[in-house]
Amino acid sequence: MTRVLITGMSGVGKSTLLDELARRGHRAVDTDYGDFYEEVDGERLWQPDRIEALLRTVPDGAEDLLFVQGTTRNQGSFYSWFDDIVLLSAPVEELVRRLRTRTTNSYGKYPAELAESLDYVETVEPLLRASATLEVVTTVPVSDVA
């Protein structure tokens, strides 16, 4: 099975893409849900045992795809498990619009959260880009992104 990590900043469309991939019949796991995180010193990090258990559920060499969505500081320790790391990105103006108008997640609607998210675009996104095997700009319809 090919394992693909989908990562990126808040508002780039990770969950929307995951829904589209699942609709197309692929196995898609959103680590924002399902107890994949633990709180460590006020920061949400992937629980290594839970992520490893998820990734072990798929045999190497199988033809199926597993898409895993998430962005966390410790995700790099799992990169060797993934065949591809896909960074989703969007222009800042588009991220601001999406964060202010989305209805599925309240993060980014408050000024402090929006500022934090925009800071991550400057500080975290370049690190994700350096590790990505593919970057997709999500200013096109999700069907095209998929």
N, C-alpha and C. Protein backbone atom coordinates (compact mmCIF):
# COMPACT_ATOMS: atom_id res chain seq x y z
N MET A 1 0.85 -1.18 0.00
CA MET A 1 0.00 0.00 0.00
C MET A 1 0.88 1.23 0.00
N THR A 2 0.48 2.19 -0.73
CA THR A 2 1.17 3.47 -0.74
C THR A 2 0.57 4.36 0.33
N ARG A 3 1.42 4.90 1.18
CA ARG A 3 0.98 5.80 2.25
C ARG A 3 1.33 7.23 1.85
N VAL A 4 0.33 8.12 1.92
CA VAL A 4 0.51 9.51 1.52
C VAL A 4 0.10 10.40 2.67
N LEU A 5 1.00 11.28 3.09
CA LEU A 5 0.67 12.28 4.10
C LEU A 5 0.23 13.55 3.39
N ILE A 6 -0.92 14.07 3.79
CA ILE A 6 -1.41 15.35 3.30
C ILE A 6 -1.27 16.34 4.44
N THR A 7 -0.50 17.39 4.23
CA THR A 7 -0.21 18.33 5.29
C THR A 7 -0.35 19.76 4.76
N GLY A 8 -0.33 20.72 5.66
CA GLY A 8 -0.44 22.12 5.28
C GLY A 8 -1.06 22.94 6.38
N MET A 9 -1.14 24.22 6.13
CA MET A 9 -1.66 25.17 7.10
C MET A 9 -3.19 25.08 7.20
N SER A 10 -3.73 25.63 8.27
CA SER A 10 -5.18 25.69 8.44
C SER A 10 -5.80 26.47 7.29
N GLY A 11 -6.85 25.91 6.73
CA GLY A 11 -7.58 26.59 5.67
C GLY A 11 -7.15 26.24 4.26
N VAL A 12 -6.14 25.38 4.08
CA VAL A 12 -5.71 25.05 2.72
C VAL A 12 -6.61 24.03 2.04
N GLY A 13 -7.44 23.33 2.83
CA GLY A 13 -8.36 22.37 2.23
C GLY A 13 -8.01 20.92 2.48
N LYS A 14 -7.26 20.64 3.53
CA LYS A 14 -6.86 19.25 3.82
C LYS A 14 -8.08 18.36 4.05
N SER A 15 -8.98 18.78 4.91
CA SER A 15 -10.16 17.97 5.22
C SER A 15 -11.07 17.83 4.01
N THR A 16 -11.21 18.88 3.25
CA THR A 16 -12.04 18.84 2.03
C THR A 16 -11.46 17.84 1.04
N LEU A 17 -10.14 17.86 0.87
CA LEU A 17 -9.49 16.91 -0.02
C LEU A 17 -9.67 15.49 0.49
N LEU A 18 -9.50 15.29 1.78
CA LEU A 18 -9.66 13.95 2.35
C LEU A 18 -11.06 13.42 2.10
N ASP A 19 -12.07 14.27 2.26
CA ASP A 19 -13.45 13.86 1.98
C ASP A 19 -13.60 13.45 0.52
N GLU A 20 -13.00 14.19 -0.40
CA GLU A 20 -13.08 13.87 -1.82
C GLU A 20 -12.38 12.55 -2.13
N LEU A 21 -11.24 12.32 -1.52
CA LEU A 21 -10.51 11.06 -1.75
C LEU A 21 -11.31 9.88 -1.21
N ALA A 22 -11.93 10.05 -0.04
CA ALA A 22 -12.77 8.99 0.52
C ALA A 22 -13.98 8.73 -0.38
N ARG A 23 -14.56 9.79 -0.90
CA ARG A 23 -15.71 9.66 -1.80
C ARG A 23 -15.33 8.84 -3.04
N ARG A 24 -14.07 8.96 -3.43
CA ARG A 24 -13.58 8.21 -4.60
C ARG A 24 -13.18 6.77 -4.25
N GLY A 25 -13.37 6.39 -2.99
CA GLY A 25 -13.12 5.01 -2.58
C GLY A 25 -11.78 4.74 -1.94
N HIS A 26 -11.00 5.77 -1.69
CA HIS A 26 -9.70 5.58 -1.05
C HIS A 26 -9.85 5.58 0.46
N ARG A 27 -8.93 4.91 1.12
CA ARG A 27 -8.89 4.95 2.57
C ARG A 27 -8.25 6.28 2.97
N ALA A 28 -8.96 7.05 3.79
CA ALA A 28 -8.51 8.38 4.17
C ALA A 28 -8.73 8.57 5.66
N VAL A 29 -7.68 8.97 6.38
CA VAL A 29 -7.75 9.13 7.83
C VAL A 29 -7.35 10.56 8.19
N ASP A 30 -8.26 11.24 8.89
CA ASP A 30 -8.02 12.60 9.37
C ASP A 30 -7.55 12.50 10.81
N THR A 31 -6.27 12.75 11.05
CA THR A 31 -5.74 12.60 12.41
C THR A 31 -6.19 13.70 13.36
N ASP A 32 -6.94 14.69 12.84
CA ASP A 32 -7.50 15.69 13.75
C ASP A 32 -8.58 15.07 14.63
N TYR A 33 -9.05 13.90 14.24
CA TYR A 33 -10.11 13.19 14.96
C TYR A 33 -9.65 11.77 15.25
N GLY A 34 -10.21 11.16 16.28
CA GLY A 34 -9.91 9.76 16.55
C GLY A 34 -8.77 9.53 17.52
N ASP A 35 -8.48 10.49 18.37
CA ASP A 35 -7.50 10.27 19.43
C ASP A 35 -6.08 10.02 18.92
N PHE A 36 -5.69 10.69 17.86
CA PHE A 36 -4.33 10.54 17.35
C PHE A 36 -3.37 11.54 17.98
N TYR A 37 -3.89 12.51 18.72
CA TYR A 37 -3.06 13.54 19.34
C TYR A 37 -2.99 13.38 20.84
N GLU A 38 -1.91 13.91 21.41
CA GLU A 38 -1.79 14.04 22.85
C GLU A 38 -1.31 15.46 23.13
N GLU A 39 -1.65 15.96 24.27
CA GLU A 39 -1.25 17.30 24.68
C GLU A 39 0.07 17.19 25.46
N VAL A 40 1.10 17.87 24.96
CA VAL A 40 2.40 17.86 25.62
C VAL A 40 2.83 19.30 25.81
N ASP A 41 2.91 19.75 27.05
CA ASP A 41 3.29 21.12 27.37
C ASP A 41 2.45 22.13 26.59
N GLY A 42 1.15 21.88 26.49
CA GLY A 42 0.23 22.79 25.83
C GLY A 42 0.23 22.69 24.32
N GLU A 43 0.94 21.73 23.75
CA GLU A 43 1.02 21.57 22.30
C GLU A 43 0.44 20.22 21.90
N ARG A 44 -0.34 20.23 20.82
CA ARG A 44 -0.90 18.98 20.30
C ARG A 44 0.12 18.29 19.41
N LEU A 45 0.48 17.07 19.79
CA LEU A 45 1.45 16.27 19.03
C LEU A 45 0.82 14.92 18.70
N TRP A 46 1.26 14.34 17.59
CA TRP A 46 0.81 12.99 17.28
C TRP A 46 1.28 12.03 18.37
N GLN A 47 0.39 11.10 18.77
CA GLN A 47 0.76 10.03 19.68
C GLN A 47 1.50 8.97 18.87
N PRO A 48 2.77 8.78 19.12
CA PRO A 48 3.54 7.86 18.29
C PRO A 48 2.93 6.46 18.19
N ASP A 49 2.47 5.91 19.29
CA ASP A 49 1.92 4.56 19.23
C ASP A 49 0.65 4.49 18.38
N ARG A 50 -0.18 5.51 18.43
CA ARG A 50 -1.42 5.53 17.64
C ARG A 50 -1.12 5.71 16.15
N ILE A 51 -0.17 6.59 15.81
CA ILE A 51 0.18 6.81 14.41
C ILE A 51 0.87 5.57 13.85
N GLU A 52 1.78 4.99 14.60
CA GLU A 52 2.45 3.77 14.12
C GLU A 52 1.44 2.65 13.93
N ALA A 53 0.49 2.50 14.84
CA ALA A 53 -0.53 1.46 14.70
C ALA A 53 -1.34 1.68 13.43
N LEU A 54 -1.70 2.92 13.15
CA LEU A 54 -2.43 3.24 11.92
C LEU A 54 -1.61 2.86 10.70
N LEU A 55 -0.36 3.28 10.67
CA LEU A 55 0.49 3.03 9.51
C LEU A 55 0.82 1.55 9.34
N ARG A 56 0.83 0.80 10.44
CA ARG A 56 1.10 -0.65 10.36
C ARG A 56 -0.10 -1.43 9.83
N THR A 57 -1.28 -0.81 9.77
CA THR A 57 -2.47 -1.53 9.28
C THR A 57 -2.42 -1.77 7.79
N VAL A 58 -1.46 -1.20 7.12
CA VAL A 58 -1.36 -1.36 5.67
C VAL A 58 -0.05 -2.05 5.32
N PRO A 59 -0.12 -3.12 4.56
CA PRO A 59 1.12 -3.83 4.21
C PRO A 59 1.92 -3.10 3.15
N ASP A 60 3.22 -3.19 3.23
CA ASP A 60 4.08 -2.65 2.18
C ASP A 60 3.84 -3.44 0.90
N GLY A 61 3.90 -2.76 -0.22
CA GLY A 61 3.78 -3.42 -1.50
C GLY A 61 2.36 -3.61 -2.01
N ALA A 62 1.36 -3.35 -1.20
CA ALA A 62 -0.02 -3.47 -1.67
C ALA A 62 -0.31 -2.33 -2.64
N GLU A 63 -1.33 -2.50 -3.48
CA GLU A 63 -1.62 -1.51 -4.52
C GLU A 63 -2.55 -0.39 -4.05
N ASP A 64 -3.19 -0.56 -2.91
CA ASP A 64 -4.11 0.45 -2.41
C ASP A 64 -3.37 1.69 -1.93
N LEU A 65 -4.13 2.75 -1.73
CA LEU A 65 -3.59 4.01 -1.21
C LEU A 65 -4.18 4.28 0.17
N LEU A 66 -3.37 4.79 1.07
CA LEU A 66 -3.82 5.29 2.36
C LEU A 66 -3.42 6.75 2.42
N PHE A 67 -4.41 7.62 2.57
CA PHE A 67 -4.15 9.05 2.72
C PHE A 67 -4.34 9.41 4.19
N VAL A 68 -3.33 10.04 4.78
CA VAL A 68 -3.36 10.47 6.17
C VAL A 68 -3.21 11.98 6.18
N GLN A 69 -4.11 12.66 6.87
CA GLN A 69 -4.07 14.12 6.95
C GLN A 69 -3.66 14.54 8.34
N GLY A 70 -2.73 15.50 8.40
CA GLY A 70 -2.35 16.06 9.68
C GLY A 70 -1.18 17.02 9.55
N THR A 71 -1.07 17.91 10.52
CA THR A 71 0.06 18.82 10.60
C THR A 71 0.39 19.00 12.07
N THR A 72 1.57 18.57 12.44
CA THR A 72 2.02 18.68 13.82
C THR A 72 3.55 18.73 13.85
N ARG A 73 4.08 19.27 14.90
CA ARG A 73 5.53 19.46 14.97
C ARG A 73 6.30 18.14 14.91
N ASN A 74 5.73 17.05 15.40
CA ASN A 74 6.48 15.79 15.41
C ASN A 74 6.18 14.89 14.21
N GLN A 75 5.53 15.41 13.18
CA GLN A 75 5.21 14.56 12.03
C GLN A 75 6.46 14.09 11.29
N GLY A 76 7.54 14.86 11.36
CA GLY A 76 8.76 14.47 10.66
C GLY A 76 9.32 13.14 11.11
N SER A 77 9.05 12.76 12.34
CA SER A 77 9.57 11.48 12.81
C SER A 77 8.86 10.30 12.15
N PHE A 78 7.80 10.57 11.40
CA PHE A 78 7.06 9.52 10.70
C PHE A 78 7.25 9.57 9.18
N TYR A 79 8.03 10.50 8.69
CA TYR A 79 8.18 10.66 7.24
C TYR A 79 8.65 9.38 6.56
N SER A 80 9.49 8.61 7.21
CA SER A 80 10.00 7.39 6.58
C SER A 80 8.90 6.37 6.31
N TRP A 81 7.78 6.48 6.97
CA TRP A 81 6.65 5.58 6.75
C TRP A 81 5.89 5.92 5.46
N PHE A 82 6.02 7.16 5.00
CA PHE A 82 5.21 7.64 3.88
C PHE A 82 5.98 7.55 2.57
N ASP A 83 5.23 7.18 1.54
CA ASP A 83 5.80 7.16 0.19
C ASP A 83 5.83 8.56 -0.41
N ASP A 84 4.85 9.36 -0.05
CA ASP A 84 4.79 10.75 -0.51
C ASP A 84 4.29 11.65 0.61
N ILE A 85 4.78 12.88 0.60
CA ILE A 85 4.34 13.92 1.53
C ILE A 85 3.85 15.07 0.68
N VAL A 86 2.54 15.30 0.71
CA VAL A 86 1.92 16.31 -0.14
C VAL A 86 1.60 17.54 0.70
N LEU A 87 2.20 18.65 0.34
CA LEU A 87 1.91 19.92 0.98
C LEU A 87 0.82 20.63 0.19
N LEU A 88 -0.28 20.94 0.85
CA LEU A 88 -1.30 21.78 0.24
C LEU A 88 -1.02 23.21 0.67
N SER A 89 -1.14 24.15 -0.26
CA SER A 89 -0.91 25.55 0.06
C SER A 89 -1.91 26.41 -0.68
N ALA A 90 -2.01 27.65 -0.25
CA ALA A 90 -2.89 28.64 -0.89
C ALA A 90 -2.35 30.02 -0.56
N PRO A 91 -2.65 31.00 -1.40
CA PRO A 91 -2.23 32.38 -1.10
C PRO A 91 -2.84 32.85 0.23
N VAL A 92 -2.11 33.70 0.92
CA VAL A 92 -2.54 34.19 2.23
C VAL A 92 -3.95 34.80 2.18
N GLU A 93 -4.24 35.57 1.15
CA GLU A 93 -5.56 36.20 1.05
C GLU A 93 -6.66 35.14 1.01
N GLU A 94 -6.40 34.05 0.32
CA GLU A 94 -7.37 32.95 0.23
C GLU A 94 -7.50 32.24 1.57
N LEU A 95 -6.39 32.03 2.26
CA LEU A 95 -6.45 31.40 3.59
C LEU A 95 -7.29 32.23 4.54
N VAL A 96 -7.07 33.54 4.54
CA VAL A 96 -7.84 34.43 5.42
C VAL A 96 -9.33 34.32 5.10
N ARG A 97 -9.67 34.36 3.83
CA ARG A 97 -11.08 34.26 3.43
C ARG A 97 -11.68 32.93 3.90
N ARG A 98 -10.97 31.84 3.69
CA ARG A 98 -11.47 30.51 4.07
C ARG A 98 -11.61 30.39 5.59
N LEU A 99 -10.62 30.86 6.33
CA LEU A 99 -10.69 30.75 7.78
C LEU A 99 -11.86 31.56 8.34
N ARG A 100 -12.11 32.71 7.76
CA ARG A 100 -13.19 33.57 8.25
C ARG A 100 -14.57 33.04 7.88
N THR A 101 -14.68 32.26 6.82
CA THR A 101 -16.00 31.86 6.33
C THR A 101 -16.31 30.38 6.50
N ARG A 102 -15.36 29.56 6.90
CA ARG A 102 -15.65 28.13 6.96
C ARG A 102 -16.63 27.82 8.09
N THR A 103 -17.37 26.75 7.89
CA THR A 103 -18.39 26.37 8.86
C THR A 103 -18.10 25.04 9.54
N THR A 104 -17.09 24.32 9.09
CA THR A 104 -16.80 23.00 9.64
C THR A 104 -15.81 23.03 10.80
N ASN A 105 -15.17 24.16 11.02
CA ASN A 105 -14.13 24.28 12.04
C ASN A 105 -14.05 25.74 12.43
N SER A 106 -14.07 26.03 13.72
CA SER A 106 -14.08 27.43 14.15
C SER A 106 -12.68 28.05 14.25
N TYR A 107 -11.62 27.22 14.14
CA TYR A 107 -10.28 27.77 14.29
C TYR A 107 -9.99 28.81 13.21
N GLY A 108 -9.49 29.95 13.64
CA GLY A 108 -9.11 31.02 12.72
C GLY A 108 -10.10 32.15 12.65
N LYS A 109 -11.23 32.00 13.29
CA LYS A 109 -12.25 33.05 13.24
C LYS A 109 -11.93 34.20 14.20
N TYR A 110 -11.21 33.90 15.27
CA TYR A 110 -10.86 34.94 16.25
C TYR A 110 -9.54 35.58 15.85
N PRO A 111 -9.37 36.89 16.11
CA PRO A 111 -8.16 37.59 15.67
C PRO A 111 -6.85 36.92 16.11
N ALA A 112 -6.78 36.44 17.35
CA ALA A 112 -5.54 35.82 17.83
C ALA A 112 -5.25 34.53 17.07
N GLU A 113 -6.29 33.75 16.78
CA GLU A 113 -6.10 32.51 16.03
C GLU A 113 -5.70 32.79 14.58
N LEU A 114 -6.31 33.79 14.00
CA LEU A 114 -5.96 34.16 12.63
C LEU A 114 -4.51 34.62 12.56
N ALA A 115 -4.09 35.44 13.52
CA ALA A 115 -2.70 35.90 13.57
C ALA A 115 -1.74 34.72 13.74
N GLU A 116 -2.11 33.79 14.61
CA GLU A 116 -1.28 32.59 14.82
C GLU A 116 -1.16 31.79 13.52
N SER A 117 -2.27 31.61 12.85
CA SER A 117 -2.27 30.85 11.60
C SER A 117 -1.40 31.53 10.54
N LEU A 118 -1.49 32.83 10.43
CA LEU A 118 -0.68 33.57 9.46
C LEU A 118 0.80 33.52 9.83
N ASP A 119 1.10 33.51 11.12
CA ASP A 119 2.49 33.37 11.56
C ASP A 119 3.02 32.00 11.14
N TYR A 120 2.18 30.96 11.24
CA TYR A 120 2.60 29.62 10.83
C TYR A 120 2.91 29.55 9.33
N VAL A 121 2.19 30.35 8.55
CA VAL A 121 2.48 30.38 7.11
C VAL A 121 3.92 30.84 6.89
N GLU A 122 4.37 31.79 7.71
CA GLU A 122 5.73 32.32 7.58
C GLU A 122 6.79 31.41 8.19
N THR A 123 6.44 30.72 9.29
CA THR A 123 7.46 29.98 10.03
C THR A 123 7.43 28.47 9.82
N VAL A 124 6.23 27.90 9.67
CA VAL A 124 6.10 26.45 9.58
C VAL A 124 6.01 25.98 8.13
N GLU A 125 5.24 26.69 7.31
CA GLU A 125 5.05 26.23 5.93
C GLU A 125 6.37 26.04 5.17
N PRO A 126 7.37 26.91 5.33
CA PRO A 126 8.65 26.65 4.63
C PRO A 126 9.31 25.34 5.05
N LEU A 127 9.15 24.96 6.31
CA LEU A 127 9.70 23.69 6.79
C LEU A 127 8.96 22.51 6.15
N LEU A 128 7.64 22.64 6.04
CA LEU A 128 6.85 21.59 5.39
C LEU A 128 7.21 21.49 3.91
N ARG A 129 7.40 22.63 3.29
CA ARG A 129 7.75 22.66 1.86
C ARG A 129 9.08 21.95 1.62
N ALA A 130 10.03 22.14 2.52
CA ALA A 130 11.35 21.54 2.36
C ALA A 130 11.29 20.01 2.43
N SER A 131 10.29 19.47 3.10
CA SER A 131 10.17 18.02 3.24
C SER A 131 9.17 17.40 2.28
N ALA A 132 8.39 18.20 1.61
CA ALA A 132 7.33 17.69 0.73
C ALA A 132 7.90 17.07 -0.54
N THR A 133 7.24 16.03 -1.01
CA THR A 133 7.59 15.45 -2.30
C THR A 133 6.75 16.08 -3.41
N LEU A 134 5.67 16.76 -3.02
CA LEU A 134 4.79 17.43 -3.97
C LEU A 134 4.07 18.56 -3.26
N GLU A 135 3.94 19.70 -3.93
CA GLU A 135 3.13 20.80 -3.40
C GLU A 135 1.99 21.05 -4.38
N VAL A 136 0.79 21.18 -3.83
CA VAL A 136 -0.39 21.46 -4.64
C VAL A 136 -1.03 22.74 -4.12
N VAL A 137 -1.18 23.72 -4.98
CA VAL A 137 -1.85 24.97 -4.62
C VAL A 137 -3.35 24.74 -4.81
N THR A 138 -4.11 25.00 -3.76
CA THR A 138 -5.52 24.60 -3.74
C THR A 138 -6.47 25.72 -4.14
N THR A 139 -6.09 26.47 -5.15
CA THR A 139 -6.98 27.53 -5.65
C THR A 139 -7.85 27.02 -6.79
N VAL A 140 -7.76 25.73 -7.07
CA VAL A 140 -8.60 25.09 -8.10
C VAL A 140 -9.63 24.22 -7.38
N PRO A 141 -10.67 23.76 -8.08
CA PRO A 141 -11.67 22.91 -7.43
C PRO A 141 -11.04 21.66 -6.81
N VAL A 142 -11.65 21.18 -5.73
CA VAL A 142 -11.10 20.03 -5.02
C VAL A 142 -11.02 18.80 -5.92
N SER A 143 -11.90 18.69 -6.87
CA SER A 143 -11.82 17.55 -7.80
C SER A 143 -10.53 17.59 -8.60
N ASP A 144 -10.05 18.78 -8.94
CA ASP A 144 -8.77 18.92 -9.64
C ASP A 144 -7.59 18.66 -8.69
N VAL A 145 -7.70 19.08 -7.44
CA VAL A 145 -6.65 18.83 -6.46
C VAL A 145 -6.49 17.32 -6.26
N ALA A 146 -7.62 16.62 -6.14
CA ALA A 146 -7.58 15.16 -5.95
C ALA A 146 -6.97 14.48 -7.16
